[in-house]
C-alpha atoms as a PDB file:
ATOM      1  CA  PRO A   1      80.408  39.679  66.160  1.00  0.00           C
ATOM      2  CA  HIS A   2      77.773  39.151  63.504  1.00  0.00           C
ATOM      3  CA  GLU A   3      76.248  35.795  62.769  1.00  0.00           C
ATOM      4  CA  THR A   4      74.626  34.423  59.665  1.00  0.00           C
ATOM      5  CA  PRO A   5      70.902  33.685  59.601  1.00  0.00           C
ATOM      6  CA  GLN A   6      71.793  29.980  59.751  1.00  0.00           C
ATOM      7  CA  GLN A   7      73.948  30.439  62.863  1.00  0.00           C
ATOM      8  CA  TRP A   8      71.169  32.439  64.496  1.00  0.00           C
ATOM      9  CA  ALA A   9      68.608  29.734  63.685  1.00  0.00           C
ATOM     10  CA  VAL A  10      70.804  27.045  65.230  1.00  0.00           C
ATOM     11  CA  ARG A  11      71.371  29.164  68.364  1.00  0.00           C
ATOM     12  CA  ILE A  12      67.702  29.943  69.033  1.00  0.00           C
ATOM     13  CA  ARG A  13      66.141  26.637  67.937  1.00  0.00           C
ATOM     14  CA  ALA A  14      66.221  24.829  71.310  1.00  0.00           C
ATOM     15  CA  PRO A  15      64.992  27.764  73.444  1.00  0.00           C
ATOM     16  CA  LEU A  16      62.257  28.501  70.903  1.00  0.00           C
ATOM     17  CA  GLN A  17      61.079  24.885  70.810  1.00  0.00           C
ATOM     18  CA  GLU A  18      60.956  24.842  74.620  1.00  0.00           C
ATOM     19  CA  LEU A  19      58.846  28.019  74.761  1.00  0.00           C
ATOM     20  CA  LEU A  20      56.472  26.761  72.089  1.00  0.00           C
ATOM     21  CA  SER A  21      56.083  23.316  73.658  1.00  0.00           C
ATOM     22  CA  LYS A  22      55.123  24.896  76.998  1.00  0.00           C
ATOM     23  CA  ARG A  23      52.870  27.440  75.241  1.00  0.00           C
ATOM     24  CA  LYS A  24      54.524  30.146  77.342  1.00  0.00           C
ATOM     25  CA  TYR A  25      55.329  32.888  74.893  1.00  0.00           C
ATOM     26  CA  SER A  26      54.284  36.492  74.513  1.00  0.00           C
ATOM     27  CA  LEU A  27      54.954  39.605  72.480  1.00  0.00           C
ATOM     28  CA  TYR A  28      57.995  40.135  74.700  1.00  0.00           C
ATOM     29  CA  HIS A  29      59.389  36.690  73.801  1.00  0.00           C
ATOM     30  CA  VAL A  30      58.826  37.307  70.104  1.00  0.00           C
ATOM     31  CA  TYR A  31      60.584  40.675  70.360  1.00  0.00           C
ATOM     32  CA  CYS A  32      63.542  39.147  72.222  1.00  0.00           C
ATOM     33  CA  LEU A  33      63.788  36.433  69.608  1.00  0.00           C
ATOM     34  CA  PHE A  34      64.133  38.948  66.788  1.00  0.00           C
ATOM     35  CA  ASP A  35      66.296  41.300  68.860  1.00  0.00           C
ATOM     36  CA  SER A  36      68.734  38.440  69.419  1.00  0.00           C
ATOM     37  CA  PHE A  37      69.380  38.550  65.670  1.00  0.00           C
ATOM     38  CA  GLU A  38      70.724  42.105  66.204  1.00  0.00           C
ATOM     39  CA  GLN A  39      68.873  43.547  63.236  1.00  0.00           C
ATOM     40  CA  VAL A  40      66.018  45.179  65.091  1.00  0.00           C
ATOM     41  CA  GLU A  41      66.059  48.906  64.403  1.00  0.00           C
ATOM     42  CA  SER A  42      63.865  49.926  67.323  1.00  0.00           C
ATOM     43  CA  LYS A  43      63.748  49.158  71.011  1.00  0.00           C
ATOM     44  CA  THR A  44      60.426  48.333  72.632  1.00  0.00           C
ATOM     45  CA  TYR A  45      59.851  48.658  76.344  1.00  0.00           C
ATOM     46  CA  TYR A  46      57.088  49.037  78.904  1.00  0.00           C
ATOM     47  CA  ILE A  47      56.487  51.875  81.363  1.00  0.00           C
ATOM     48  CA  ASN A  48      53.513  51.522  83.696  1.00  0.00           C
ATOM     49  CA  ASP A  49      52.077  48.742  81.510  1.00  0.00           C
ATOM     50  CA  GLU A  50      52.220  50.909  78.358  1.00  0.00           C
ATOM     51  CA  LEU A  51      54.231  49.885  75.320  1.00  0.00           C
ATOM     52  CA  TYR A  52      56.798  52.364  73.947  1.00  0.00           C
ATOM     53  CA  GLU A  53      59.276  52.211  71.068  1.00  0.00           C
ATOM     54  CA  ASP A  54      62.524  54.059  70.426  1.00  0.00           C
ATOM     55  CA  HIS A  55      63.520  54.071  66.765  1.00  0.00           C
ATOM     56  CA  PHE A  56      67.232  54.160  66.052  1.00  0.00           C
END
């Protein structure tokens, strides 16, 4: 099921505000945020502390 940008914004607003208020965010959190919108065309992951990407 696809959601509109507005629906996505409503869904992630509370978790995002919590992360930002605690100042506990990272590149991983930013990636997950955008991946939750289901329009990310690559997958990023870590192996032995090195960042890799698979492009779809």
